[in-house]
Amino acid sequence: MSSTTQEAISNGGSDEGEPGLREGYGQNYYAAYVRDPDGNKLQAVCYEHA
């Protein structure tokens, strides 16, 4: 997940929330947020069990 965030930032995006657990959305909800150069907020999510 962090490589996805790093790739987005290296292509002009900005960090909108570091990769990590978002337990408010679920026990295994791991997500990261970036904003693209056009201002769209993007989310990458993984629900895989640890």
PDB file of N, CA and C in Angstrom:
ATOM      1  N   MET A   1       0.827  -1.190   0.000  1.00  0.00           N
ATOM      2  CA  MET A   1       0.000   0.000   0.000  1.00  0.00           C
ATOM      3  C   MET A   1       0.869   1.249   0.000  1.00  0.00           C
ATOM      4  N   SER A   2       1.952   1.263   0.789  1.00  0.00           N
ATOM      5  CA  SER A   2       2.777   2.466   0.829  1.00  0.00           C
ATOM      6  C   SER A   2       3.425   2.738  -0.519  1.00  0.00           C
ATOM      7  N   SER A   3       3.721   1.705  -1.305  1.00  0.00           N
ATOM      8  CA  SER A   3       4.292   1.940  -2.631  1.00  0.00           C
ATOM      9  C   SER A   3       3.276   2.614  -3.548  1.00  0.00           C
ATOM     10  N   THR A   4       2.002   2.295  -3.390  1.00  0.00           N
ATOM     11  CA  THR A   4       0.949   2.951  -4.173  1.00  0.00           C
ATOM     12  C   THR A   4       0.888   4.431  -3.823  1.00  0.00           C
ATOM     13  N   THR A   5       0.944   4.744  -2.542  1.00  0.00           N
ATOM     14  CA  THR A   5       0.924   6.133  -2.087  1.00  0.00           C
ATOM     15  C   THR A   5       2.156   6.877  -2.598  1.00  0.00           C
ATOM     16  N   GLN A   6       3.323   6.269  -2.478  1.00  0.00           N
ATOM     17  CA  GLN A   6       4.554   6.901  -2.934  1.00  0.00           C
ATOM     18  C   GLN A   6       4.516   7.159  -4.434  1.00  0.00           C
ATOM     19  N   GLU A   7       3.998   6.229  -5.201  1.00  0.00           N
ATOM     20  CA  GLU A   7       3.891   6.390  -6.645  1.00  0.00           C
ATOM     21  C   GLU A   7       2.967   7.551  -6.998  1.00  0.00           C
ATOM     22  N   ALA A   8       1.857   7.641  -6.311  1.00  0.00           N
ATOM     23  CA  ALA A   8       0.918   8.738  -6.569  1.00  0.00           C
ATOM     24  C   ALA A   8       1.551  10.087  -6.259  1.00  0.00           C
ATOM     25  N   ILE A   9       2.261  10.174  -5.158  1.00  0.00           N
ATOM     26  CA  ILE A   9       2.904  11.426  -4.767  1.00  0.00           C
ATOM     27  C   ILE A   9       4.016  11.789  -5.746  1.00  0.00           C
ATOM     28  N   SER A  10       4.774  10.799  -6.201  1.00  0.00           N
ATOM     29  CA  SER A  10       5.858  11.078  -7.145  1.00  0.00           C
ATOM     30  C   SER A  10       5.334  11.523  -8.506  1.00  0.00           C
ATOM     31  N   ASN A  11       4.050  11.302  -8.760  1.00  0.00           N
ATOM     32  CA  ASN A  11       3.425  11.730 -10.007  1.00  0.00           C
ATOM     33  C   ASN A  11       2.535  12.954  -9.833  1.00  0.00           C
ATOM     34  N   GLY A  12       2.797  13.735  -8.787  1.00  0.00           N
ATOM     35  CA  GLY A  12       2.095  15.000  -8.619  1.00  0.00           C
ATOM     36  C   GLY A  12       0.964  14.996  -7.621  1.00  0.00           C
ATOM     37  N   GLY A  13       0.685  13.853  -6.998  1.00  0.00           N
ATOM     38  CA  GLY A  13      -0.379  13.790  -5.998  1.00  0.00           C
ATOM     39  C   GLY A  13       0.094  14.299  -4.654  1.00  0.00           C
ATOM     40  N   SER A  14      -0.824  14.390  -3.702  1.00  0.00           N
ATOM     41  CA  SER A  14      -0.474  14.809  -2.347  1.00  0.00           C
ATOM     42  C   SER A  14      -1.079  13.832  -1.346  1.00  0.00           C
ATOM     43  N   ASP A  15      -0.386  13.662  -0.236  1.00  0.00           N
ATOM     44  CA  ASP A  15      -0.811  12.749   0.821  1.00  0.00           C
ATOM     45  C   ASP A  15      -2.051  13.310   1.507  1.00  0.00           C
ATOM     46  N   GLU A  16      -3.092  12.473   1.621  1.00  0.00           N
ATOM     47  CA  GLU A  16      -4.330  12.879   2.293  1.00  0.00           C
ATOM     48  C   GLU A  16      -4.656  11.949   3.462  1.00  0.00           C
ATOM     49  N   GLY A  17      -3.722  11.060   3.793  1.00  0.00           N
ATOM     50  CA  GLY A  17      -3.919  10.109   4.886  1.00  0.00           C
ATOM     51  C   GLY A  17      -3.002   8.926   4.707  1.00  0.00           C
ATOM     52  N   GLU A  18      -1.989   8.825   5.552  1.00  0.00           N
ATOM     53  CA  GLU A  18      -1.000   7.762   5.440  1.00  0.00           C
ATOM     54  C   GLU A  18      -1.649   6.383   5.519  1.00  0.00           C
ATOM     55  N   PRO A  19      -1.002   5.370   4.908  1.00  0.00           N
ATOM     56  CA  PRO A  19      -1.513   4.001   5.007  1.00  0.00           C
ATOM     57  C   PRO A  19      -1.617   3.559   6.464  1.00  0.00           C
ATOM     58  N   GLY A  20      -2.723   2.922   6.798  1.00  0.00           N
ATOM     59  CA  GLY A  20      -2.900   2.428   8.155  1.00  0.00           C
ATOM     60  C   GLY A  20      -4.292   1.865   8.372  1.00  0.00           C
ATOM     61  N   LEU A  21      -4.458   1.237   9.520  1.00  0.00           N
ATOM     62  CA  LEU A  21      -5.767   0.696   9.882  1.00  0.00           C
ATOM     63  C   LEU A  21      -6.746   1.834  10.127  1.00  0.00           C
ATOM     64  N   ARG A  22      -7.951   1.642   9.651  1.00  0.00           N
ATOM     65  CA  ARG A  22      -9.043   2.585   9.888  1.00  0.00           C
ATOM     66  C   ARG A  22     -10.146   1.791  10.587  1.00  0.00           C
ATOM     67  N   GLU A  23      -9.928   1.513  11.869  1.00  0.00           N
ATOM     68  CA  GLU A  23     -10.820   0.619  12.607  1.00  0.00           C
ATOM     69  C   GLU A  23     -12.242   1.149  12.708  1.00  0.00           C
ATOM     70  N   GLY A  24     -12.437   2.427  12.496  1.00  0.00           N
ATOM     71  CA  GLY A  24     -13.780   2.990  12.485  1.00  0.00           C
ATOM     72  C   GLY A  24     -14.613   2.460  11.325  1.00  0.00           C
ATOM     73  N   TYR A  25     -13.941   1.922  10.302  1.00  0.00           N
ATOM     74  CA  TYR A  25     -14.616   1.365   9.131  1.00  0.00           C
ATOM     75  C   TYR A  25     -14.671  -0.155   9.153  1.00  0.00           C
ATOM     76  N   GLY A  26     -13.928  -0.778  10.040  1.00  0.00           N
ATOM     77  CA  GLY A  26     -13.918  -2.232  10.137  1.00  0.00           C
ATOM     78  C   GLY A  26     -12.613  -2.717  10.725  1.00  0.00           C
ATOM     79  N   GLN A  27     -12.643  -3.890  11.312  1.00  0.00           N
ATOM     80  CA  GLN A  27     -11.486  -4.438  12.023  1.00  0.00           C
ATOM     81  C   GLN A  27     -10.263  -4.601  11.117  1.00  0.00           C
ATOM     82  N   ASN A  28     -10.460  -4.979   9.864  1.00  0.00           N
ATOM     83  CA  ASN A  28      -9.352  -5.220   8.944  1.00  0.00           C
ATOM     84  C   ASN A  28      -9.301  -4.202   7.808  1.00  0.00           C
ATOM     85  N   TYR A  29      -9.834  -3.025   8.020  1.00  0.00           N
ATOM     86  CA  TYR A  29      -9.892  -1.996   6.990  1.00  0.00           C
ATOM     87  C   TYR A  29      -8.599  -1.198   7.006  1.00  0.00           C
ATOM     88  N   TYR A  30      -7.737  -1.458   6.030  1.00  0.00           N
ATOM     89  CA  TYR A  30      -6.437  -0.799   5.906  1.00  0.00           C
ATOM     90  C   TYR A  30      -6.506   0.083   4.676  1.00  0.00           C
ATOM     91  N   ALA A  31      -6.252   1.364   4.825  1.00  0.00           N
ATOM     92  CA  ALA A  31      -6.444   2.285   3.698  1.00  0.00           C
ATOM     93  C   ALA A  31      -5.407   3.391   3.684  1.00  0.00           C
ATOM     94  N   ALA A  32      -5.285   4.004   2.515  1.00  0.00           N
ATOM     95  CA  ALA A  32      -4.463   5.196   2.323  1.00  0.00           C
ATOM     96  C   ALA A  32      -5.227   6.135   1.398  1.00  0.00           C
ATOM     97  N   TYR A  33      -4.973   7.417   1.535  1.00  0.00           N
ATOM     98  CA  TYR A  33      -5.660   8.420   0.735  1.00  0.00           C
ATOM     99  C   TYR A  33      -4.646   9.342   0.078  1.00  0.00           C
ATOM    100  N   VAL A  34      -4.875   9.671  -1.184  1.00  0.00           N
ATOM    101  CA  VAL A  34      -4.075  10.663  -1.897  1.00  0.00           C
ATOM    102  C   VAL A  34      -5.013  11.566  -2.679  1.00  0.00           C
ATOM    103  N   ARG A  35      -4.522  12.735  -3.012  1.00  0.00           N
ATOM    104  CA  ARG A  35      -5.270  13.646  -3.872  1.00  0.00           C
ATOM    105  C   ARG A  35      -4.458  13.805  -5.152  1.00  0.00           C
ATOM    106  N   ASP A  36      -5.099  13.590  -6.297  1.00  0.00           N
ATOM    107  CA  ASP A  36      -4.394  13.691  -7.571  1.00  0.00           C
ATOM    108  C   ASP A  36      -4.222  15.159  -7.969  1.00  0.00           C
ATOM    109  N   PRO A  37      -3.391  15.442  -8.994  1.00  0.00           N
ATOM    110  CA  PRO A  37      -3.143  16.828  -9.391  1.00  0.00           C
ATOM    111  C   PRO A  37      -4.408  17.595  -9.801  1.00  0.00           C
ATOM    112  N   ASP A  38      -5.470  16.883 -10.179  1.00  0.00           N
ATOM    113  CA  ASP A  38      -6.731  17.538 -10.543  1.00  0.00           C
ATOM    114  C   ASP A  38      -7.628  17.802  -9.345  1.00  0.00           C
ATOM    115  N   GLY A  39      -7.212  17.362  -8.151  1.00  0.00           N
ATOM    116  CA  GLY A  39      -7.986  17.612  -6.939  1.00  0.00           C
ATOM    117  C   GLY A  39      -8.897  16.474  -6.509  1.00  0.00           C
ATOM    118  N   ASN A  40      -8.878  15.357  -7.245  1.00  0.00           N
ATOM    119  CA  ASN A  40      -9.716  14.204  -6.876  1.00  0.00           C
ATOM    120  C   ASN A  40      -9.076  13.450  -5.722  1.00  0.00           C
ATOM    121  N   LYS A  41      -9.870  13.082  -4.732  1.00  0.00           N
ATOM    122  CA  LYS A  41      -9.372  12.295  -3.610  1.00  0.00           C
ATOM    123  C   LYS A  41      -9.543  10.821  -3.941  1.00  0.00           C
ATOM    124  N   LEU A  42      -8.441  10.076  -3.838  1.00  0.00           N
ATOM    125  CA  LEU A  42      -8.431   8.657  -4.158  1.00  0.00           C
ATOM    126  C   LEU A  42      -8.124   7.851  -2.910  1.00  0.00           C
ATOM    127  N   GLN A  43      -8.702   6.655  -2.856  1.00  0.00           N
ATOM    128  CA  GLN A  43      -8.500   5.784  -1.699  1.00  0.00           C
ATOM    129  C   GLN A  43      -8.070   4.412  -2.192  1.00  0.00           C
ATOM    130  N   ALA A  44      -7.056   3.857  -1.549  1.00  0.00           N
ATOM    131  CA  ALA A  44      -6.645   2.476  -1.772  1.00  0.00           C
ATOM    132  C   ALA A  44      -6.990   1.706  -0.502  1.00  0.00           C
ATOM    133  N   VAL A  45      -7.673   0.565  -0.643  1.00  0.00           N
ATOM    134  CA  VAL A  45      -8.170  -0.189   0.516  1.00  0.00           C
ATOM    135  C   VAL A  45      -7.789  -1.650   0.401  1.00  0.00           C
ATOM    136  N   CYS A  46      -7.478  -2.246   1.538  1.00  0.00           N
ATOM    137  CA  CYS A  46      -7.234  -3.683   1.629  1.00  0.00           C
ATOM    138  C   CYS A  46      -8.013  -4.203   2.841  1.00  0.00           C
ATOM    139  N   TYR A  47      -8.756  -5.294   2.630  1.00  0.00           N
ATOM    140  CA  TYR A  47      -9.521  -5.913   3.722  1.00  0.00           C
ATOM    141  C   TYR A  47      -8.908  -7.223   4.177  1.00  0.00           C
ATOM    142  N   GLU A  48      -7.712  -7.537   3.744  1.00  0.00           N
ATOM    143  CA  GLU A  48      -7.094  -8.825   4.035  1.00  0.00           C
ATOM    144  C   GLU A  48      -6.868  -8.995   5.533  1.00  0.00           C
ATOM    145  N   HIS A  49      -7.105 -10.193   5.998  1.00  0.00           N
ATOM    146  CA  HIS A  49      -6.894 -10.508   7.424  1.00  0.00           C
ATOM    147  C   HIS A  49      -5.419 -10.646   7.705  1.00  0.00           C
ATOM    148  N   ALA A  50      -5.005 -10.144   8.849  1.00  0.00           N
ATOM    149  CA  ALA A  50      -3.582 -10.230   9.245  1.00  0.00           C
ATOM    150  C   ALA A  50      -3.274 -11.602   9.779  1.00  0.00           C
TER     151      ALA A  50
END
